[in-house]
Amino acid sequence: AAVRVLVESSDGRTRWRTVGASTDIIEASWLALQDAYEYWIIHNQE
């Protein structure tokens, strides 16, 4: 069965959500966290 994980993140000003999906809950969680950090990096480049 597939697992979907929703992670809500914030930098104190902005909130965003990312989703990870896998048959393994650890992998799904890691994918969602990875996307959250990637989103933050992309949107905070100067």
N, C-alpha and C. Protein backbone atom coordinates (compact mmCIF):
# COMPACT_ATOMS: atom_id res chain seq x y z
N ALA A 1 0.84 -1.19 0.00
CA ALA A 1 0.00 0.00 0.00
C ALA A 1 0.88 1.24 0.00
N ALA A 2 0.41 2.27 -0.64
CA ALA A 2 1.15 3.53 -0.71
C ALA A 2 0.85 4.39 0.51
N VAL A 3 1.85 5.13 0.93
CA VAL A 3 1.72 6.07 2.04
C VAL A 3 1.99 7.46 1.50
N ARG A 4 1.19 8.42 1.95
CA ARG A 4 1.42 9.81 1.55
C ARG A 4 1.61 10.62 2.82
N VAL A 5 2.66 11.44 2.85
CA VAL A 5 3.00 12.25 4.01
C VAL A 5 2.90 13.72 3.63
N LEU A 6 2.23 14.50 4.45
CA LEU A 6 2.11 15.94 4.26
C LEU A 6 2.94 16.63 5.33
N VAL A 7 3.87 17.49 4.90
CA VAL A 7 4.71 18.24 5.83
C VAL A 7 4.39 19.72 5.66
N GLU A 8 4.10 20.38 6.77
CA GLU A 8 3.87 21.83 6.74
C GLU A 8 5.09 22.49 7.37
N SER A 9 5.68 23.44 6.65
CA SER A 9 6.90 24.10 7.09
C SER A 9 6.69 25.61 7.17
N SER A 10 7.56 26.27 7.94
CA SER A 10 7.49 27.72 8.07
C SER A 10 8.88 28.26 8.35
N ASP A 11 9.14 29.47 7.83
CA ASP A 11 10.39 30.15 8.15
C ASP A 11 10.13 31.35 9.05
N GLY A 12 8.95 31.41 9.63
CA GLY A 12 8.58 32.52 10.49
C GLY A 12 7.80 33.60 9.77
N ARG A 13 7.88 33.61 8.45
CA ARG A 13 7.14 34.59 7.64
C ARG A 13 6.16 33.91 6.71
N THR A 14 6.60 32.83 6.11
CA THR A 14 5.81 32.12 5.10
C THR A 14 5.63 30.67 5.53
N ARG A 15 4.45 30.12 5.21
CA ARG A 15 4.20 28.70 5.44
C ARG A 15 4.00 28.02 4.10
N TRP A 16 4.48 26.79 3.98
CA TRP A 16 4.27 26.02 2.76
C TRP A 16 4.13 24.54 3.13
N ARG A 17 3.53 23.80 2.21
CA ARG A 17 3.30 22.37 2.41
C ARG A 17 3.94 21.58 1.28
N THR A 18 4.48 20.43 1.65
CA THR A 18 5.03 19.51 0.65
C THR A 18 4.52 18.11 0.95
N VAL A 19 4.50 17.29 -0.08
CA VAL A 19 3.97 15.93 0.03
C VAL A 19 5.01 14.94 -0.47
N GLY A 20 5.15 13.84 0.24
CA GLY A 20 5.98 12.73 -0.20
C GLY A 20 5.13 11.48 -0.27
N ALA A 21 5.40 10.62 -1.24
CA ALA A 21 4.64 9.38 -1.39
C ALA A 21 5.58 8.22 -1.68
N SER A 22 5.30 7.09 -1.05
CA SER A 22 6.10 5.89 -1.23
C SER A 22 5.36 4.72 -0.59
N THR A 23 5.89 3.53 -0.77
CA THR A 23 5.35 2.39 -0.04
C THR A 23 5.98 2.29 1.35
N ASP A 24 6.99 3.11 1.61
CA ASP A 24 7.70 3.14 2.89
C ASP A 24 7.48 4.50 3.55
N ILE A 25 6.96 4.52 4.78
CA ILE A 25 6.64 5.79 5.44
C ILE A 25 7.89 6.64 5.69
N ILE A 26 9.02 6.00 5.97
CA ILE A 26 10.27 6.75 6.19
C ILE A 26 10.69 7.44 4.91
N GLU A 27 10.64 6.73 3.80
CA GLU A 27 11.01 7.32 2.52
C GLU A 27 10.04 8.44 2.13
N ALA A 28 8.75 8.23 2.35
CA ALA A 28 7.76 9.26 2.03
C ALA A 28 8.01 10.52 2.87
N SER A 29 8.33 10.33 4.14
CA SER A 29 8.63 11.47 5.02
C SER A 29 9.88 12.20 4.54
N TRP A 30 10.92 11.45 4.21
CA TRP A 30 12.17 12.05 3.73
C TRP A 30 11.94 12.85 2.45
N LEU A 31 11.15 12.30 1.52
CA LEU A 31 10.88 13.01 0.27
C LEU A 31 10.16 14.33 0.53
N ALA A 32 9.19 14.32 1.43
CA ALA A 32 8.46 15.54 1.76
C ALA A 32 9.38 16.57 2.41
N LEU A 33 10.23 16.14 3.33
CA LEU A 33 11.18 17.05 3.98
C LEU A 33 12.19 17.61 2.98
N GLN A 34 12.67 16.75 2.11
CA GLN A 34 13.63 17.17 1.08
C GLN A 34 13.02 18.25 0.19
N ASP A 35 11.79 18.06 -0.22
CA ASP A 35 11.11 19.06 -1.05
C ASP A 35 10.90 20.37 -0.28
N ALA A 36 10.62 20.27 1.02
CA ALA A 36 10.41 21.47 1.83
C ALA A 36 11.70 22.30 1.90
N TYR A 37 12.83 21.65 2.14
CA TYR A 37 14.10 22.37 2.19
C TYR A 37 14.47 22.94 0.82
N GLU A 38 14.22 22.17 -0.21
CA GLU A 38 14.51 22.64 -1.56
C GLU A 38 13.66 23.88 -1.90
N TYR A 39 12.40 23.86 -1.52
CA TYR A 39 11.52 25.01 -1.74
C TYR A 39 12.09 26.24 -1.02
N TRP A 40 12.49 26.06 0.24
CA TRP A 40 13.02 27.18 1.01
C TRP A 40 14.29 27.74 0.37
N ILE A 41 15.19 26.86 -0.05
CA ILE A 41 16.44 27.30 -0.68
C ILE A 41 16.16 28.09 -1.95
N ILE A 42 15.29 27.57 -2.80
CA ILE A 42 14.97 28.24 -4.07
C ILE A 42 14.35 29.61 -3.84
N HIS A 43 13.49 29.72 -2.84
CA HIS A 43 12.78 30.98 -2.60
C HIS A 43 13.55 31.95 -1.70
N ASN A 44 14.75 31.58 -1.25
CA ASN A 44 15.53 32.46 -0.39
C ASN A 44 16.92 32.74 -0.94
N GLN A 45 17.10 32.55 -2.23
CA GLN A 45 18.38 32.88 -2.85
C GLN A 45 18.45 34.39 -3.07
N GLU A 46 19.62 34.93 -2.84
CA GLU A 46 19.81 36.37 -3.05
C GLU A 46 20.87 36.63 -4.09
